[in-house]
Amino acid sequence: MANHKSALKRIRANEAKRLRNRYQHKTTRTMVKRLRETNDKAVASELYKKVSSALDKLAKKNIIHKNKASNLKSKLAKLVSKVAA
């Protein structure tokens, strides 16, 4: 166990950040799943904007790798273009 005040604070801060990151990552994964299940063109394009933004935010905060975010956005863009074409 940590002996210094600063180390104890760091443990608390890291736990709070871990939970926040986990929540944001899970929320984004759910949004991606919902986008993949969508069959309506208008809804899909609107949802794609939100998902794309969320992925960029996760990559910016290093929750996911920037290349993973880019690859997901690319695949989802192809999917949205094919929906109800």
Protein backbone atom coordinates (compact mmCIF):
# COMPACT_ATOMS: atom_id res chain seq x y z
CA MET A 1 0.00 0.00 0.00
CA ALA A 2 1.14 3.54 -0.70
CA ASN A 3 2.77 5.47 2.14
CA HIS A 4 2.69 9.04 0.81
CA LYS A 5 -0.27 11.39 0.58
CA SER A 6 0.46 12.09 -3.08
CA ALA A 7 0.59 8.36 -3.87
CA LEU A 8 -2.76 7.80 -2.17
CA LYS A 9 -4.25 10.67 -4.15
CA ARG A 10 -2.79 9.25 -7.38
CA ILE A 11 -4.47 5.89 -6.63
CA ARG A 12 -7.84 7.62 -6.17
CA ALA A 13 -7.40 9.72 -9.32
CA ASN A 14 -6.35 6.73 -11.42
CA GLU A 15 -9.41 4.75 -10.33
CA ALA A 16 -11.74 7.64 -11.22
CA LYS A 17 -10.08 8.03 -14.63
CA ARG A 18 -10.22 4.28 -15.26
CA LEU A 19 -13.95 4.19 -14.61
CA ARG A 20 -14.56 7.26 -16.77
CA ASN A 21 -12.52 5.81 -19.65
CA ARG A 22 -14.30 2.48 -19.35
CA TYR A 23 -17.72 4.17 -19.45
CA GLN A 24 -16.83 6.28 -22.51
CA HIS A 25 -15.35 3.30 -24.35
CA LYS A 26 -18.38 1.11 -23.65
CA THR A 27 -20.78 3.87 -24.68
CA THR A 28 -18.97 4.34 -27.98
CA ARG A 29 -18.97 0.59 -28.66
CA THR A 30 -22.72 0.56 -28.09
CA MET A 31 -23.14 3.47 -30.52
CA VAL A 32 -21.10 1.59 -33.15
CA LYS A 33 -23.24 -1.51 -32.65
CA ARG A 34 -26.43 0.54 -33.02
CA LEU A 35 -25.06 2.12 -36.23
CA ARG A 36 -24.28 -1.30 -37.71
CA GLU A 37 -27.85 -2.47 -37.04
CA THR A 38 -29.47 0.60 -38.62
CA ASN A 39 -31.28 0.20 -41.96
CA ASP A 40 -32.44 3.79 -42.43
CA LYS A 41 -30.12 6.03 -44.50
CA ALA A 42 -30.98 9.30 -42.70
CA VAL A 43 -30.64 7.79 -39.23
CA ALA A 44 -27.39 6.06 -40.20
CA SER A 45 -25.76 9.23 -41.52
CA GLU A 46 -26.83 11.20 -38.44
CA LEU A 47 -25.60 8.48 -36.10
CA TYR A 48 -22.32 8.21 -38.04
CA LYS A 49 -21.52 11.85 -37.22
CA LYS A 50 -21.95 11.17 -33.50
CA VAL A 51 -19.98 7.91 -33.60
CA SER A 52 -17.18 9.51 -35.59
CA SER A 53 -16.91 12.33 -33.09
CA ALA A 54 -16.92 9.91 -30.15
CA LEU A 55 -14.17 7.80 -31.74
CA ASP A 56 -12.05 10.89 -32.33
CA LYS A 57 -12.45 11.90 -28.68
CA LEU A 58 -11.41 8.42 -27.49
CA ALA A 59 -8.34 8.52 -29.74
CA LYS A 60 -7.44 12.02 -28.57
CA LYS A 61 -7.50 10.87 -24.94
CA ASN A 62 -5.51 7.70 -25.79
CA ILE A 63 -8.36 5.44 -24.68
CA ILE A 64 -8.09 3.74 -28.06
CA HIS A 65 -5.29 3.96 -30.61
CA LYS A 66 -5.67 6.63 -33.30
CA ASN A 67 -5.31 4.02 -36.06
CA LYS A 68 -8.08 1.91 -34.56
CA ALA A 69 -10.36 4.94 -34.51
CA SER A 70 -9.45 5.70 -38.12
CA ASN A 71 -10.06 2.11 -39.22
CA LEU A 72 -13.44 1.98 -37.48
CA LYS A 73 -14.50 5.30 -38.99
CA SER A 74 -13.50 4.09 -42.45
CA LYS A 75 -15.42 0.82 -42.16
CA LEU A 76 -18.47 2.58 -40.77
CA ALA A 77 -18.38 5.17 -43.56
CA LYS A 78 -18.46 2.36 -46.13
CA LEU A 79 -21.34 0.74 -44.27
CA VAL A 80 -23.33 4.00 -44.14
CA SER A 81 -22.85 4.54 -47.87
CA LYS A 82 -24.21 1.05 -48.59
CA VAL A 83 -27.23 1.34 -46.27
CA ALA A 84 -30.47 1.53 -48.25
CA ALA A 85 -28.50 2.52 -51.36
